[in-house]
Amino acid sequence: MRTAAERHIKKRDPVLGAVIRQVGPCGYSLQRDRFAMLVRSIVFQQISGAAARTILGRLTDALPGKQLAAEGLAALTPEEYRLAGVSKQKAGYLQSLAELSLTGDLRLTLIGTYADDEIIAQLTQVRGIGVWTAQMFLMFSLGRPDVLPWDDLGVRQAIRKLYGLPEMPTRAESERIAVPWRPYASVASWYCWRSLEIKTPDAAQEWQS
């Protein structure tokens, strides 16, 4: 799929095509453990990666079999969350995720059969999971090919840089620019993130020269 996506984007969008030529093949891998990915997304919210990894490690160590599973999270006490370094607010989010999974209101084993919008609706019923997190789940757990995380700061920064916009793009502007990327907006978004790592030459300048 990714090779076809790269060919499609290079043909339809010369600006992002220049980024693809500089970066090379699309290289992200999928995280198959759906529940663990959602736990990780909650733990990593609004703190440094190093701190989040430490907390996640302590949390995992506190669980039966060191497995990130709904049953284990639901059984943790507030004190056990605190000792792992999980804030009271995030402990509530993790409890919400665990409880909805156990009651069947969130059916992660079947969620891959739903349409993207249905999945976002399912996930955002969990406290602490918003649209952006749901979009990341679509891309990096389910491998959905046509997700545009229109509110992601990195994607917006890349669009502004690559397409010479005077200000950060609105959702409507991002959607308009992404039209040629369809039906491979997920891969295009990954290249937007990678474009921010390119120092010289600028991808847009390369195409224009």
C-alpha atoms as a PDB file:
ATOM      1  CA  MET A   1       0.000   0.000   0.000  1.00  0.00           C
ATOM      2  CA  ARG A   2       2.737   2.449   0.918  1.00  0.00           C
ATOM      3  CA  THR A   3       4.587   2.082  -2.385  1.00  0.00           C
ATOM      4  CA  ALA A   4       1.326   2.792  -4.226  1.00  0.00           C
ATOM      5  CA  ALA A   5       0.714   5.743  -1.896  1.00  0.00           C
ATOM      6  CA  GLU A   6       4.149   7.199  -2.579  1.00  0.00           C
ATOM      7  CA  ARG A   7       3.661   6.903  -6.342  1.00  0.00           C
ATOM      8  CA  HIS A   8       0.225   8.486  -6.096  1.00  0.00           C
ATOM      9  CA  ILE A   9       1.385  11.437  -3.995  1.00  0.00           C
ATOM     10  CA  LYS A  10       4.448  12.114  -6.150  1.00  0.00           C
ATOM     11  CA  LYS A  11       2.245  12.161  -9.242  1.00  0.00           C
ATOM     12  CA  ARG A  12      -0.485  14.342  -7.738  1.00  0.00           C
ATOM     13  CA  ASP A  13       1.528  16.716  -5.538  1.00  0.00           C
ATOM     14  CA  PRO A  14       5.021  17.776  -6.710  1.00  0.00           C
ATOM     15  CA  VAL A  15       5.723  19.644  -3.454  1.00  0.00           C
ATOM     16  CA  LEU A  16       5.211  16.628  -1.203  1.00  0.00           C
ATOM     17  CA  GLY A  17       6.723  14.468  -3.931  1.00  0.00           C
ATOM     18  CA  ALA A  18      10.005  16.317  -3.378  1.00  0.00           C
ATOM     19  CA  VAL A  19       9.814  15.428   0.306  1.00  0.00           C
ATOM     20  CA  ILE A  20       9.292  11.755  -0.561  1.00  0.00           C
ATOM     21  CA  ARG A  21      12.383  11.785  -2.776  1.00  0.00           C
ATOM     22  CA  GLN A  22      14.480  13.236   0.051  1.00  0.00           C
ATOM     23  CA  VAL A  23      13.105  11.122   2.888  1.00  0.00           C
ATOM     24  CA  GLY A  24      12.805   7.800   1.090  1.00  0.00           C
ATOM     25  CA  PRO A  25      10.268   5.011   1.702  1.00  0.00           C
ATOM     26  CA  CYS A  26       7.569   5.462   4.308  1.00  0.00           C
ATOM     27  CA  GLY A  27       8.793   3.707   7.417  1.00  0.00           C
ATOM     28  CA  TYR A  28       6.279   3.712  10.244  1.00  0.00           C
ATOM     29  CA  SER A  29       5.236   0.451  11.872  1.00  0.00           C
ATOM     30  CA  LEU A  30       1.860  -0.470  13.322  1.00  0.00           C
ATOM     31  CA  GLN A  31       1.232  -1.011  17.031  1.00  0.00           C
ATOM     32  CA  ARG A  32      -0.951  -4.092  17.115  1.00  0.00           C
ATOM     33  CA  ASP A  33      -1.761  -4.093  20.831  1.00  0.00           C
ATOM     34  CA  ARG A  34      -4.715  -1.710  20.676  1.00  0.00           C
ATOM     35  CA  PHE A  35      -5.343  -1.399  24.380  1.00  0.00           C
ATOM     36  CA  ALA A  36      -1.672  -0.821  25.171  1.00  0.00           C
ATOM     37  CA  MET A  37      -1.465   1.906  22.541  1.00  0.00           C
ATOM     38  CA  LEU A  38      -4.367   3.771  24.120  1.00  0.00           C
ATOM     39  CA  VAL A  39      -2.841   3.426  27.590  1.00  0.00           C
ATOM     40  CA  ARG A  40       0.422   4.782  26.241  1.00  0.00           C
ATOM     41  CA  SER A  41      -1.315   7.718  24.551  1.00  0.00           C
ATOM     42  CA  ILE A  42      -2.925   8.725  27.851  1.00  0.00           C
ATOM     43  CA  VAL A  43       0.266   8.369  29.899  1.00  0.00           C
ATOM     44  CA  PHE A  44       2.267  10.439  27.391  1.00  0.00           C
ATOM     45  CA  GLN A  45      -0.141  13.375  27.374  1.00  0.00           C
ATOM     46  CA  GLN A  46       1.445  16.741  28.238  1.00  0.00           C
ATOM     47  CA  ILE A  47       4.670  15.420  29.796  1.00  0.00           C
ATOM     48  CA  SER A  48       8.133  14.738  28.405  1.00  0.00           C
ATOM     49  CA  GLY A  49       8.810  11.472  26.654  1.00  0.00           C
ATOM     50  CA  ALA A  50      11.430  10.469  29.241  1.00  0.00           C
ATOM     51  CA  ALA A  51       9.060  11.064  32.165  1.00  0.00           C
ATOM     52  CA  ALA A  52       6.230   9.243  30.395  1.00  0.00           C
ATOM     53  CA  ARG A  53       8.408   6.206  29.676  1.00  0.00           C
ATOM     54  CA  THR A  54       9.414   6.010  33.324  1.00  0.00           C
ATOM     55  CA  ILE A  55       5.800   6.218  34.488  1.00  0.00           C
ATOM     56  CA  LEU A  56       4.656   3.684  31.913  1.00  0.00           C
ATOM     57  CA  GLY A  57       7.361   1.290  33.064  1.00  0.00           C
ATOM     58  CA  ARG A  58       6.308   1.626  36.715  1.00  0.00           C
ATOM     59  CA  LEU A  59       2.664   1.208  35.787  1.00  0.00           C
ATOM     60  CA  THR A  60       3.418  -1.918  33.773  1.00  0.00           C
ATOM     61  CA  ASP A  61       5.464  -3.368  36.645  1.00  0.00           C
ATOM     62  CA  ALA A  62       2.464  -2.910  38.966  1.00  0.00           C
ATOM     63  CA  LEU A  63       0.182  -5.013  36.756  1.00  0.00           C
ATOM     64  CA  PRO A  64      -0.302  -8.806  36.813  1.00  0.00           C
ATOM     65  CA  GLY A  65       2.188 -10.417  34.479  1.00  0.00           C
ATOM     66  CA  LYS A  66       3.430  -6.919  33.619  1.00  0.00           C
ATOM     67  CA  GLN A  67       0.741  -6.789  30.960  1.00  0.00           C
ATOM     68  CA  LEU A  68      -1.192  -3.630  30.030  1.00  0.00           C
ATOM     69  CA  ALA A  69      -4.659  -5.132  30.226  1.00  0.00           C
ATOM     70  CA  ALA A  70      -8.068  -3.785  31.210  1.00  0.00           C
ATOM     71  CA  GLU A  71      -8.556  -6.175  34.126  1.00  0.00           C
ATOM     72  CA  GLY A  72      -5.270  -5.206  35.738  1.00  0.00           C
ATOM     73  CA  LEU A  73      -5.761  -1.468  35.314  1.00  0.00           C
ATOM     74  CA  ALA A  74      -9.295  -1.612  36.675  1.00  0.00           C
ATOM     75  CA  ALA A  75      -8.054  -3.391  39.815  1.00  0.00           C
ATOM     76  CA  LEU A  76      -5.353  -0.830  40.680  1.00  0.00           C
ATOM     77  CA  THR A  77      -6.024   1.392  43.657  1.00  0.00           C
ATOM     78  CA  PRO A  78      -5.534   5.178  43.617  1.00  0.00           C
ATOM     79  CA  GLU A  79      -2.450   4.662  45.788  1.00  0.00           C
ATOM     80  CA  GLU A  80      -0.936   2.218  43.293  1.00  0.00           C
ATOM     81  CA  TYR A  81      -1.490   4.697  40.463  1.00  0.00           C
ATOM     82  CA  ARG A  82       0.123   7.416  42.585  1.00  0.00           C
ATOM     83  CA  LEU A  83       3.164   5.282  43.369  1.00  0.00           C
ATOM     84  CA  ALA A  84       3.612   4.638  39.636  1.00  0.00           C
ATOM     85  CA  GLY A  85       3.658   8.397  39.070  1.00  0.00           C
ATOM     86  CA  VAL A  86       0.272   8.571  37.342  1.00  0.00           C
ATOM     87  CA  SER A  87      -1.608  11.788  38.148  1.00  0.00           C
ATOM     88  CA  LYS A  88      -5.068  11.603  39.662  1.00  0.00           C
ATOM     89  CA  GLN A  89      -6.568  12.932  36.429  1.00  0.00           C
ATOM     90  CA  LYS A  90      -4.795  10.398  34.226  1.00  0.00           C
ATOM     91  CA  ALA A  91      -5.650   7.595  36.634  1.00  0.00           C
ATOM     92  CA  GLY A  92      -9.282   8.535  36.037  1.00  0.00           C
ATOM     93  CA  TYR A  93      -8.708   8.397  32.288  1.00  0.00           C
ATOM     94  CA  LEU A  94      -7.105   4.961  32.510  1.00  0.00           C
ATOM     95  CA  GLN A  95      -9.922   3.721  34.720  1.00  0.00           C
ATOM     96  CA  SER A  96     -12.420   4.986  32.151  1.00  0.00           C
ATOM     97  CA  LEU A  97     -10.589   3.130  29.380  1.00  0.00           C
ATOM     98  CA  ALA A  98     -10.424  -0.063  31.423  1.00  0.00           C
ATOM     99  CA  GLU A  99     -14.057   0.047  32.541  1.00  0.00           C
ATOM    100  CA  LEU A 100     -15.473   0.768  29.076  1.00  0.00           C
ATOM    101  CA  SER A 101     -13.380  -2.090  27.700  1.00  0.00           C
ATOM    102  CA  LEU A 102     -14.591  -4.504  30.364  1.00  0.00           C
ATOM    103  CA  THR A 103     -18.266  -3.561  29.993  1.00  0.00           C
ATOM    104  CA  GLY A 104     -18.093  -3.932  26.205  1.00  0.00           C
ATOM    105  CA  ASP A 105     -18.982  -0.311  25.532  1.00  0.00           C
ATOM    106  CA  LEU A 106     -15.564  -0.089  23.879  1.00  0.00           C
ATOM    107  CA  ARG A 107     -14.925  -3.246  21.857  1.00  0.00           C
ATOM    108  CA  LEU A 108     -11.329  -3.028  20.721  1.00  0.00           C
ATOM    109  CA  THR A 109     -11.348  -6.538  19.279  1.00  0.00           C
ATOM    110  CA  LEU A 110     -14.065  -5.503  16.806  1.00  0.00           C
ATOM    111  CA  ILE A 111     -13.264  -1.832  16.360  1.00  0.00           C
ATOM    112  CA  GLY A 112     -11.298  -2.488  13.181  1.00  0.00           C
ATOM    113  CA  THR A 113     -14.534  -3.425  11.418  1.00  0.00           C
ATOM    114  CA  TYR A 114     -15.979   0.084  11.848  1.00  0.00           C
ATOM    115  CA  ALA A 115     -15.663   3.114   9.601  1.00  0.00           C
ATOM    116  CA  ASP A 116     -13.176   5.809  10.623  1.00  0.00           C
ATOM    117  CA  ASP A 117     -15.838   8.192  11.949  1.00  0.00           C
ATOM    118  CA  GLU A 118     -17.441   5.410  13.975  1.00  0.00           C
ATOM    119  CA  ILE A 119     -14.091   4.523  15.506  1.00  0.00           C
ATOM    120  CA  ILE A 120     -13.460   8.135  16.492  1.00  0.00           C
ATOM    121  CA  ALA A 121     -16.901   8.249  18.113  1.00  0.00           C
ATOM    122  CA  GLN A 122     -16.180   5.016  19.985  1.00  0.00           C
ATOM    123  CA  LEU A 123     -12.801   6.130  21.273  1.00  0.00           C
ATOM    124  CA  THR A 124     -13.753   9.647  22.291  1.00  0.00           C
ATOM    125  CA  GLN A 125     -16.305   8.307  24.763  1.00  0.00           C
ATOM    126  CA  VAL A 126     -13.254   7.462  26.895  1.00  0.00           C
ATOM    127  CA  ARG A 127     -12.296  10.328  29.188  1.00  0.00           C
ATOM    128  CA  GLY A 128      -8.910  11.673  28.136  1.00  0.00           C
ATOM    129  CA  ILE A 129      -9.128  10.492  24.529  1.00  0.00           C
ATOM    130  CA  GLY A 130      -9.883  13.192  21.987  1.00  0.00           C
ATOM    131  CA  VAL A 131     -10.109  13.303  18.218  1.00  0.00           C
ATOM    132  CA  TRP A 132      -6.338  13.623  17.734  1.00  0.00           C
ATOM    133  CA  THR A 133      -5.615  10.509  19.804  1.00  0.00           C
ATOM    134  CA  ALA A 134      -8.309   8.638  17.914  1.00  0.00           C
ATOM    135  CA  GLN A 135      -6.736   9.698  14.612  1.00  0.00           C
ATOM    136  CA  MET A 136      -3.331   8.455  15.789  1.00  0.00           C
ATOM    137  CA  PHE A 137      -4.989   5.150  16.691  1.00  0.00           C
ATOM    138  CA  LEU A 138      -6.500   4.926  13.209  1.00  0.00           C
ATOM    139  CA  MET A 139      -3.125   5.542  11.604  1.00  0.00           C
ATOM    140  CA  PHE A 140      -0.671   3.696  13.828  1.00  0.00           C
ATOM    141  CA  SER A 141      -2.731   0.827  15.241  1.00  0.00           C
ATOM    142  CA  LEU A 142      -5.308   0.046  12.558  1.00  0.00           C
ATOM    143  CA  GLY A 143      -3.242   1.212   9.592  1.00  0.00           C
ATOM    144  CA  ARG A 144      -6.070   3.209   8.046  1.00  0.00           C
ATOM    145  CA  PRO A 145      -4.682   4.768   4.849  1.00  0.00           C
ATOM    146  CA  ASP A 146      -6.629   8.006   4.521  1.00  0.00           C
ATOM    147  CA  VAL A 147      -6.469   9.837   7.853  1.00  0.00           C
ATOM    148  CA  LEU A 148      -5.641  13.553   7.915  1.00  0.00           C
ATOM    149  CA  PRO A 149      -4.883  14.735  11.468  1.00  0.00           C
ATOM    150  CA  TRP A 150      -5.845  18.269  10.524  1.00  0.00           C
ATOM    151  CA  ASP A 151      -5.305  19.716  14.016  1.00  0.00           C
ATOM    152  CA  ASP A 152      -1.867  18.171  14.565  1.00  0.00           C
ATOM    153  CA  LEU A 153       0.720  20.897  15.161  1.00  0.00           C
ATOM    154  CA  GLY A 154       3.452  19.162  13.175  1.00  0.00           C
ATOM    155  CA  VAL A 155       1.239  18.578  10.147  1.00  0.00           C
ATOM    156  CA  ARG A 156       0.072  22.186  10.221  1.00  0.00           C
ATOM    157  CA  GLN A 157       3.634  23.484  10.561  1.00  0.00           C
ATOM    158  CA  ALA A 158       4.735  21.335   7.634  1.00  0.00           C
ATOM    159  CA  ILE A 159       1.868  22.494   5.427  1.00  0.00           C
ATOM    160  CA  ARG A 160       2.647  26.117   6.215  1.00  0.00           C
ATOM    161  CA  LYS A 161       6.336  25.628   5.407  1.00  0.00           C
ATOM    162  CA  LEU A 162       5.944  23.487   2.297  1.00  0.00           C
ATOM    163  CA  TYR A 163       3.180  25.476   0.656  1.00  0.00           C
ATOM    164  CA  GLY A 164       4.391  28.938   1.630  1.00  0.00           C
ATOM    165  CA  LEU A 165       1.394  29.965   3.713  1.00  0.00           C
ATOM    166  CA  PRO A 166       1.617  33.240   5.665  1.00  0.00           C
ATOM    167  CA  GLU A 167      -0.041  31.692   8.718  1.00  0.00           C
ATOM    168  CA  MET A 168      -0.836  28.281  10.130  1.00  0.00           C
ATOM    169  CA  PRO A 169      -3.495  26.620   7.979  1.00  0.00           C
ATOM    170  CA  THR A 170      -7.077  26.273   9.101  1.00  0.00           C
ATOM    171  CA  ARG A 171      -8.804  22.929   8.882  1.00  0.00           C
ATOM    172  CA  ALA A 172     -10.429  23.994   5.612  1.00  0.00           C
ATOM    173  CA  GLU A 173      -7.060  24.994   4.123  1.00  0.00           C
ATOM    174  CA  SER A 174      -5.459  21.731   5.239  1.00  0.00           C
ATOM    175  CA  GLU A 175      -8.317  19.731   3.754  1.00  0.00           C
ATOM    176  CA  ARG A 176      -8.005  21.637   0.472  1.00  0.00           C
ATOM    177  CA  ILE A 177      -4.258  21.060   0.235  1.00  0.00           C
ATOM    178  CA  ALA A 178      -4.759  17.387   1.110  1.00  0.00           C
ATOM    179  CA  VAL A 179      -7.194  16.721  -1.758  1.00  0.00           C
ATOM    180  CA  PRO A 180      -4.411  15.415  -4.072  1.00  0.00           C
ATOM    181  CA  TRP A 181      -3.181  13.094  -1.306  1.00  0.00           C
ATOM    182  CA  ARG A 182      -6.431  11.162  -1.105  1.00  0.00           C
ATOM    183  CA  PRO A 183      -6.892   8.242  -0.554  1.00  0.00           C
ATOM    184  CA  TYR A 184      -3.469   8.143   1.130  1.00  0.00           C
ATOM    185  CA  ALA A 185      -3.588  11.064   3.566  1.00  0.00           C
ATOM    186  CA  SER A 186      -2.043   8.951   6.345  1.00  0.00           C
ATOM    187  CA  VAL A 187       1.147   8.400   4.379  1.00  0.00           C
ATOM    188  CA  ALA A 188       1.160  12.040   3.266  1.00  0.00           C
ATOM    189  CA  SER A 189       0.834  13.152   6.890  1.00  0.00           C
ATOM    190  CA  TRP A 190       3.797  10.981   7.849  1.00  0.00           C
ATOM    191  CA  TYR A 191       5.852  12.731   5.177  1.00  0.00           C
ATOM    192  CA  CYS A 192       4.671  16.090   6.509  1.00  0.00           C
ATOM    193  CA  TRP A 193       6.135  15.169   9.895  1.00  0.00           C
ATOM    194  CA  ARG A 194       9.379  13.999   8.296  1.00  0.00           C
ATOM    195  CA  SER A 195       9.646  17.189   6.238  1.00  0.00           C
ATOM    196  CA  LEU A 196      10.212  19.161   9.438  1.00  0.00           C
ATOM    197  CA  GLU A 197      13.491  17.263   9.864  1.00  0.00           C
ATOM    198  CA  ILE A 198      14.764  18.349   6.443  1.00  0.00           C
ATOM    199  CA  LYS A 199      17.189  21.236   6.797  1.00  0.00           C
ATOM    200  CA  THR A 200      18.499  21.850   3.300  1.00  0.00           C
ATOM    201  CA  PRO A 201      17.458  22.016   0.622  1.00  0.00           C
ATOM    202  CA  ASP A 202      13.893  22.985   1.396  1.00  0.00           C
ATOM    203  CA  ALA A 203      11.494  20.527  -0.231  1.00  0.00           C
ATOM    204  CA  ALA A 204       9.435  23.242  -1.909  1.00  0.00           C
ATOM    205  CA  GLN A 205      12.578  24.984  -3.173  1.00  0.00           C
ATOM    206  CA  GLU A 206      13.879  21.741  -4.625  1.00  0.00           C
ATOM    207  CA  TRP A 207      10.687  21.260  -6.618  1.00  0.00           C
ATOM    208  CA  GLN A 208      10.641  24.855  -7.822  1.00  0.00           C
ATOM    209  CA  SER A 209      14.305  24.919  -8.932  1.00  0.00           C
END
